[in-house]
PDB file of N, CA and C in Angstrom:
ATOM      1  N   MET A   1       0.837  -1.170   0.000  1.00  0.00           N
ATOM      2  CA  MET A   1       0.000   0.000   0.000  1.00  0.00           C
ATOM      3  C   MET A   1       0.895   1.250   0.000  1.00  0.00           C
ATOM      4  N   ARG A   2       0.546   2.215  -0.845  1.00  0.00           N
ATOM      5  CA  ARG A   2       1.310   3.467  -0.923  1.00  0.00           C
ATOM      6  C   ARG A   2       1.047   4.300   0.324  1.00  0.00           C
ATOM      7  N   LYS A   3       2.110   4.911   0.841  1.00  0.00           N
ATOM      8  CA  LYS A   3       1.997   5.792   2.001  1.00  0.00           C
ATOM      9  C   LYS A   3       2.331   7.205   1.566  1.00  0.00           C
ATOM     10  N   TRP A   4       1.703   8.183   2.223  1.00  0.00           N
ATOM     11  CA  TRP A   4       1.865   9.588   1.869  1.00  0.00           C
ATOM     12  C   TRP A   4       2.335  10.376   3.081  1.00  0.00           C
ATOM     13  N   GLU A   5       3.059  11.459   2.804  1.00  0.00           N
ATOM     14  CA  GLU A   5       3.338  12.444   3.845  1.00  0.00           C
ATOM     15  C   GLU A   5       2.745  13.764   3.383  1.00  0.00           C
ATOM     16  N   TYR A   6       2.361  14.596   4.336  1.00  0.00           N
ATOM     17  CA  TYR A   6       1.654  15.834   4.033  1.00  0.00           C
ATOM     18  C   TYR A   6       2.380  17.044   4.609  1.00  0.00           C
ATOM     19  N   LEU A   7       2.192  18.163   3.933  1.00  0.00           N
ATOM     20  CA  LEU A   7       2.725  19.449   4.377  1.00  0.00           C
ATOM     21  C   LEU A   7       1.570  20.438   4.307  1.00  0.00           C
ATOM     22  N   VAL A   8       1.339  21.177   5.380  1.00  0.00           N
ATOM     23  CA  VAL A   8       0.276  22.176   5.408  1.00  0.00           C
ATOM     24  C   VAL A   8       0.897  23.527   5.716  1.00  0.00           C
ATOM     25  N   LEU A   9       0.704  24.478   4.816  1.00  0.00           N
ATOM     26  CA  LEU A   9       1.144  25.851   5.033  1.00  0.00           C
ATOM     27  C   LEU A   9      -0.087  26.705   5.286  1.00  0.00           C
ATOM     28  N   VAL A  10      -0.028  27.549   6.294  1.00  0.00           N
ATOM     29  CA  VAL A  10      -1.144  28.432   6.616  1.00  0.00           C
ATOM     30  C   VAL A  10      -0.679  29.865   6.450  1.00  0.00           C
ATOM     31  N   GLU A  11      -1.375  30.597   5.612  1.00  0.00           N
ATOM     32  CA  GLU A  11      -1.043  31.995   5.345  1.00  0.00           C
ATOM     33  C   GLU A  11      -2.049  32.903   6.034  1.00  0.00           C
ATOM     34  N   ASN A  12      -1.538  33.848   6.800  1.00  0.00           N
ATOM     35  CA  ASN A  12      -2.358  34.864   7.433  1.00  0.00           C
ATOM     36  C   ASN A  12      -2.267  36.104   6.552  1.00  0.00           C
ATOM     37  N   MET A  13      -3.369  36.517   5.950  1.00  0.00           N
ATOM     38  CA  MET A  13      -3.346  37.626   4.998  1.00  0.00           C
ATOM     39  C   MET A  13      -2.926  38.947   5.634  1.00  0.00           C
ATOM     40  N   ARG A  14      -3.014  39.057   6.943  1.00  0.00           N
ATOM     41  CA  ARG A  14      -2.587  40.290   7.612  1.00  0.00           C
ATOM     42  C   ARG A  14      -1.087  40.321   7.834  1.00  0.00           C
ATOM     43  N   SER A  15      -0.448  39.172   7.750  1.00  0.00           N
ATOM     44  CA  SER A  15       0.991  39.091   7.984  1.00  0.00           C
ATOM     45  C   SER A  15       1.552  37.907   7.218  1.00  0.00           C
ATOM     46  N   ILE A  16       2.683  38.100   6.564  1.00  0.00           N
ATOM     47  CA  ILE A  16       3.301  36.982   5.875  1.00  0.00           C
ATOM     48  C   ILE A  16       4.306  36.265   6.771  1.00  0.00           C
ATOM     49  N   LYS A  17       4.389  36.678   8.024  1.00  0.00           N
ATOM     50  CA  LYS A  17       5.378  36.092   8.924  1.00  0.00           C
ATOM     51  C   LYS A  17       5.205  34.595   9.087  1.00  0.00           C
ATOM     52  N   SER A  18       3.963  34.115   9.171  1.00  0.00           N
ATOM     53  CA  SER A  18       3.769  32.684   9.374  1.00  0.00           C
ATOM     54  C   SER A  18       4.342  31.883   8.214  1.00  0.00           C
ATOM     55  N   LEU A  19       4.144  32.354   6.984  1.00  0.00           N
ATOM     56  CA  LEU A  19       4.703  31.657   5.835  1.00  0.00           C
ATOM     57  C   LEU A  19       6.207  31.832   5.773  1.00  0.00           C
ATOM     58  N   GLU A  20       6.707  32.992   6.134  1.00  0.00           N
ATOM     59  CA  GLU A  20       8.157  33.192   6.141  1.00  0.00           C
ATOM     60  C   GLU A  20       8.815  32.201   7.093  1.00  0.00           C
ATOM     61  N   ASN A  21       8.219  31.999   8.269  1.00  0.00           N
ATOM     62  CA  ASN A  21       8.780  31.054   9.228  1.00  0.00           C
ATOM     63  C   ASN A  21       8.739  29.638   8.686  1.00  0.00           C
ATOM     64  N   LEU A  22       7.612  29.255   8.074  1.00  0.00           N
ATOM     65  CA  LEU A  22       7.504  27.915   7.524  1.00  0.00           C
ATOM     66  C   LEU A  22       8.467  27.712   6.367  1.00  0.00           C
ATOM     67  N   ALA A  23       8.778  28.770   5.648  1.00  0.00           N
ATOM     68  CA  ALA A  23       9.725  28.694   4.523  1.00  0.00           C
ATOM     69  C   ALA A  23      11.164  28.866   4.991  1.00  0.00           C
ATOM     70  N   LYS A  24      11.368  28.871   6.303  1.00  0.00           N
ATOM     71  CA  LYS A  24      12.709  28.965   6.887  1.00  0.00           C
ATOM     72  C   LYS A  24      13.451  30.218   6.444  1.00  0.00           C
ATOM     73  N   GLU A  25      12.727  31.337   6.457  1.00  0.00           N
ATOM     74  CA  GLU A  25      13.324  32.633   6.130  1.00  0.00           C
ATOM     75  C   GLU A  25      13.962  32.654   4.744  1.00  0.00           C
ATOM     76  N   ASP A  26      13.374  31.948   3.811  1.00  0.00           N
ATOM     77  CA  ASP A  26      13.852  31.895   2.427  1.00  0.00           C
ATOM     78  C   ASP A  26      13.611  33.252   1.770  1.00  0.00           C
ATOM     79  N   ASP A  27      14.680  33.953   1.353  1.00  0.00           N
ATOM     80  CA  ASP A  27      14.553  35.294   0.784  1.00  0.00           C
ATOM     81  C   ASP A  27      13.730  35.309  -0.497  1.00  0.00           C
ATOM     82  N   LEU A  28      13.908  34.300  -1.355  1.00  0.00           N
ATOM     83  CA  LEU A  28      13.134  34.225  -2.596  1.00  0.00           C
ATOM     84  C   LEU A  28      11.645  34.111  -2.279  1.00  0.00           C
ATOM     85  N   TYR A  29      11.313  33.263  -1.321  1.00  0.00           N
ATOM     86  CA  TYR A  29       9.921  33.068  -0.940  1.00  0.00           C
ATOM     87  C   TYR A  29       9.334  34.357  -0.370  1.00  0.00           C
ATOM     88  N   LYS A  30      10.089  35.041   0.474  1.00  0.00           N
ATOM     89  CA  LYS A  30       9.631  36.293   1.078  1.00  0.00           C
ATOM     90  C   LYS A  30       9.346  37.338   0.001  1.00  0.00           C
ATOM     91  N   GLU A  31      10.233  37.440  -0.985  1.00  0.00           N
ATOM     92  CA  GLU A  31      10.050  38.397  -2.067  1.00  0.00           C
ATOM     93  C   GLU A  31       8.790  38.068  -2.878  1.00  0.00           C
ATOM     94  N   GLN A  32       8.576  36.792  -3.168  1.00  0.00           N
ATOM     95  CA  GLN A  32       7.402  36.379  -3.935  1.00  0.00           C
ATOM     96  C   GLN A  32       6.120  36.692  -3.167  1.00  0.00           C
ATOM     97  N   LEU A  33       6.128  36.453  -1.864  1.00  0.00           N
ATOM     98  CA  LEU A  33       4.942  36.735  -1.060  1.00  0.00           C
ATOM     99  C   LEU A  33       4.621  38.225  -1.056  1.00  0.00           C
ATOM    100  N   SER A  34       5.655  39.058  -0.981  1.00  0.00           N
ATOM    101  CA  SER A  34       5.411  40.495  -0.945  1.00  0.00           C
ATOM    102  C   SER A  34       4.806  40.987  -2.256  1.00  0.00           C
ATOM    103  N   LYS A  35       5.091  40.304  -3.348  1.00  0.00           N
ATOM    104  CA  LYS A  35       4.538  40.660  -4.655  1.00  0.00           C
ATOM    105  C   LYS A  35       3.223  39.953  -4.936  1.00  0.00           C
ATOM    106  N   GLY A  36       2.854  38.976  -4.105  1.00  0.00           N
ATOM    107  CA  GLY A  36       1.642  38.194  -4.357  1.00  0.00           C
ATOM    108  C   GLY A  36       1.815  37.199  -5.490  1.00  0.00           C
ATOM    109  N   ASP A  37       3.049  36.850  -5.823  1.00  0.00           N
ATOM    110  CA  ASP A  37       3.340  35.905  -6.895  1.00  0.00           C
ATOM    111  C   ASP A  37       3.751  34.577  -6.276  1.00  0.00           C
ATOM    112  N   TYR A  38       2.831  33.630  -6.217  1.00  0.00           N
ATOM    113  CA  TYR A  38       3.069  32.373  -5.527  1.00  0.00           C
ATOM    114  C   TYR A  38       3.619  31.266  -6.417  1.00  0.00           C
ATOM    115  N   ALA A  39       3.547  31.409  -7.739  1.00  0.00           N
ATOM    116  CA  ALA A  39       3.951  30.337  -8.645  1.00  0.00           C
ATOM    117  C   ALA A  39       5.389  29.871  -8.418  1.00  0.00           C
ATOM    118  N   PRO A  40       6.381  30.764  -8.307  1.00  0.00           N
ATOM    119  CA  PRO A  40       7.754  30.276  -8.085  1.00  0.00           C
ATOM    120  C   PRO A  40       7.895  29.465  -6.786  1.00  0.00           C
ATOM    121  N   ALA A  41       7.221  29.898  -5.721  1.00  0.00           N
ATOM    122  CA  ALA A  41       7.299  29.155  -4.464  1.00  0.00           C
ATOM    123  C   ALA A  41       6.620  27.797  -4.602  1.00  0.00           C
ATOM    124  N   LEU A  42       5.475  27.756  -5.282  1.00  0.00           N
ATOM    125  CA  LEU A  42       4.795  26.473  -5.499  1.00  0.00           C
ATOM    126  C   LEU A  42       5.658  25.561  -6.357  1.00  0.00           C
ATOM    127  N   ASN A  43       6.336  26.128  -7.349  1.00  0.00           N
ATOM    128  CA  ASN A  43       7.241  25.334  -8.183  1.00  0.00           C
ATOM    129  C   ASN A  43       8.392  24.769  -7.357  1.00  0.00           C
ATOM    130  N   LYS A  44       8.850  25.539  -6.377  1.00  0.00           N
ATOM    131  CA  LYS A  44       9.934  25.082  -5.506  1.00  0.00           C
ATOM    132  C   LYS A  44       9.496  23.846  -4.721  1.00  0.00           C
ATOM    133  N   TYR A  45       8.276  23.885  -4.161  1.00  0.00           N
ATOM    134  CA  TYR A  45       7.766  22.709  -3.449  1.00  0.00           C
ATOM    135  C   TYR A  45       7.569  21.545  -4.410  1.00  0.00           C
ATOM    136  N   GLY A  46       7.090  21.845  -5.627  1.00  0.00           N
ATOM    137  CA  GLY A  46       6.915  20.798  -6.632  1.00  0.00           C
ATOM    138  C   GLY A  46       8.229  20.113  -6.965  1.00  0.00           C
ATOM    139  N   ALA A  47       9.312  20.889  -7.049  1.00  0.00           N
ATOM    140  CA  ALA A  47      10.630  20.314  -7.341  1.00  0.00           C
ATOM    141  C   ALA A  47      11.106  19.394  -6.210  1.00  0.00           C
ATOM    142  N   GLN A  48      10.557  19.594  -5.016  1.00  0.00           N
ATOM    143  CA  GLN A  48      10.901  18.743  -3.873  1.00  0.00           C
ATOM    144  C   GLN A  48       9.960  17.539  -3.774  1.00  0.00           C
ATOM    145  N   GLY A  49       9.083  17.402  -4.780  1.00  0.00           N
ATOM    146  CA  GLY A  49       8.188  16.251  -4.812  1.00  0.00           C
ATOM    147  C   GLY A  49       6.809  16.489  -4.216  1.00  0.00           C
ATOM    148  N   TRP A  50       6.546  17.710  -3.730  1.00  0.00           N
ATOM    149  CA  TRP A  50       5.254  18.022  -3.135  1.00  0.00           C
ATOM    150  C   TRP A  50       4.245  18.371  -4.225  1.00  0.00           C
ATOM    151  N   GLU A  51       3.046  17.831  -4.103  1.00  0.00           N
ATOM    152  CA  GLU A  51       1.942  18.136  -5.018  1.00  0.00           C
ATOM    153  C   GLU A  51       0.881  18.909  -4.235  1.00  0.00           C
ATOM    154  N   LEU A  52       0.474  20.068  -4.753  1.00  0.00           N
ATOM    155  CA  LEU A  52      -0.585  20.845  -4.120  1.00  0.00           C
ATOM    156  C   LEU A  52      -1.902  20.127  -4.361  1.00  0.00           C
ATOM    157  N   VAL A  53      -2.562  19.699  -3.282  1.00  0.00           N
ATOM    158  CA  VAL A  53      -3.796  18.929  -3.432  1.00  0.00           C
ATOM    159  C   VAL A  53      -5.031  19.663  -2.911  1.00  0.00           C
ATOM    160  N   GLY A  54      -4.822  20.802  -2.243  1.00  0.00           N
ATOM    161  CA  GLY A  54      -5.978  21.530  -1.754  1.00  0.00           C
ATOM    162  C   GLY A  54      -5.617  22.911  -1.249  1.00  0.00           C
ATOM    163  N   VAL A  55      -6.544  23.837  -1.449  1.00  0.00           N
ATOM    164  CA  VAL A  55      -6.420  25.195  -0.927  1.00  0.00           C
ATOM    165  C   VAL A  55      -7.775  25.561  -0.365  1.00  0.00           C
ATOM    166  N   SER A  56      -7.798  26.095   0.845  1.00  0.00           N
ATOM    167  CA  SER A  56      -9.081  26.494   1.426  1.00  0.00           C
ATOM    168  C   SER A  56      -8.890  27.669   2.373  1.00  0.00           C
ATOM    169  N   ARG A  57      -9.971  28.399   2.561  1.00  0.00           N
ATOM    170  CA  ARG A  57     -10.004  29.479   3.550  1.00  0.00           C
ATOM    171  C   ARG A  57     -10.420  28.853   4.870  1.00  0.00           C
ATOM    172  N   VAL A  58      -9.684  29.182   5.920  1.00  0.00           N
ATOM    173  CA  VAL A  58      -9.987  28.647   7.248  1.00  0.00           C
ATOM    174  C   VAL A  58      -9.946  29.783   8.255  1.00  0.00           C
ATOM    175  N   GLY A  59     -10.487  29.554   9.418  1.00  0.00           N
ATOM    176  CA  GLY A  59     -10.354  30.504  10.507  1.00  0.00           C
ATOM    177  C   GLY A  59     -11.379  31.615  10.554  1.00  0.00           C
ATOM    178  N   GLY A  60     -12.448  31.499   9.790  1.00  0.00           N
ATOM    179  CA  GLY A  60     -13.492  32.517   9.858  1.00  0.00           C
ATOM    180  C   GLY A  60     -12.994  33.883   9.457  1.00  0.00           C
ATOM    181  N   GLY A  61     -13.134  34.873  10.341  1.00  0.00           N
ATOM    182  CA  GLY A  61     -12.783  36.243  10.026  1.00  0.00           C
ATOM    183  C   GLY A  61     -11.301  36.561  10.072  1.00  0.00           C
ATOM    184  N   ARG A  62     -10.479  35.556  10.328  1.00  0.00           N
ATOM    185  CA  ARG A  62      -9.042  35.827  10.431  1.00  0.00           C
ATOM    186  C   ARG A  62      -8.337  35.797   9.076  1.00  0.00           C
ATOM    187  N   ALA A  63      -9.039  35.546   8.000  1.00  0.00           N
ATOM    188  CA  ALA A  63      -8.493  35.569   6.638  1.00  0.00           C
ATOM    189  C   ALA A  63      -7.269  34.673   6.485  1.00  0.00           C
ATOM    190  N   LEU A  64      -7.405  33.417   6.860  1.00  0.00           N
ATOM    191  CA  LEU A  64      -6.324  32.458   6.721  1.00  0.00           C
ATOM    192  C   LEU A  64      -6.552  31.609   5.476  1.00  0.00           C
ATOM    193  N   THR A  65      -5.485  31.299   4.776  1.00  0.00           N
ATOM    194  CA  THR A  65      -5.553  30.385   3.643  1.00  0.00           C
ATOM    195  C   THR A  65      -4.654  29.204   3.959  1.00  0.00           C
ATOM    196  N   GLU A  66      -5.191  28.001   3.777  1.00  0.00           N
ATOM    197  CA  GLU A  66      -4.452  26.776   4.060  1.00  0.00           C
ATOM    198  C   GLU A  66      -4.113  26.084   2.744  1.00  0.00           C
ATOM    199  N   TYR A  67      -2.831  25.777   2.550  1.00  0.00           N
ATOM    200  CA  TYR A  67      -2.358  25.065   1.369  1.00  0.00           C
ATOM    201  C   TYR A  67      -1.931  23.666   1.817  1.00  0.00           C
ATOM    202  N   VAL A  68      -2.502  22.632   1.213  1.00  0.00           N
ATOM    203  CA  VAL A  68      -2.184  21.255   1.584  1.00  0.00           C
ATOM    204  C   VAL A  68      -1.430  20.595   0.432  1.00  0.00           C
ATOM    205  N   PHE A  69      -0.275  20.034   0.750  1.00  0.00           N
ATOM    206  CA  PHE A  69       0.566  19.335  -0.212  1.00  0.00           C
ATOM    207  C   PHE A  69       0.722  17.876   0.242  1.00  0.00           C
ATOM    208  N   LYS A  70       0.991  16.985  -0.720  1.00  0.00           N
ATOM    209  CA  LYS A  70       1.329  15.616  -0.356  1.00  0.00           C
ATOM    210  C   LYS A  70       2.398  15.108  -1.315  1.00  0.00           C
ATOM    211  N   ARG A  71       3.121  14.073  -0.850  1.00  0.00           N
ATOM    212  CA  ARG A  71       4.087  13.373  -1.696  1.00  0.00           C
ATOM    213  C   ARG A  71       4.230  11.957  -1.170  1.00  0.00           C
ATOM    214  N   PRO A  72       4.653  11.049  -2.025  1.00  0.00           N
ATOM    215  CA  PRO A  72       4.834   9.673  -1.566  1.00  0.00           C
ATOM    216  C   PRO A  72       5.881   9.607  -0.464  1.00  0.00           C
ATOM    217  N   LYS A  73       5.615   8.779   0.525  1.00  0.00           N
ATOM    218  CA  LYS A  73       6.556   8.604   1.623  1.00  0.00           C
ATOM    219  C   LYS A  73       7.452   7.418   1.302  1.00  0.00           C
ATOM    220  N   ASP A  74       8.746   7.634   1.466  1.00  0.00           N
ATOM    221  CA  ASP A  74       9.711   6.552   1.183  1.00  0.00           C
ATOM    222  C   ASP A  74       9.661   5.463   2.222  1.00  0.00           C
TER     223      ASP A  74
END
């Protein structure tokens, strides 16, 4: 049976700090977030084997966006 591992990134629209921390202070990622251009960062996760499988708004009025990725577990 195939096993999966998951990665969940949560973005707070009032602050990009949560994503910056999850991206380990990656300067390229920080620059993309400030411009609202997510494709290069998503491509970076894709190159690491992560597939974006879901995006949803969570947290009610807190304007959070949750990105769910998965990849096969070795």
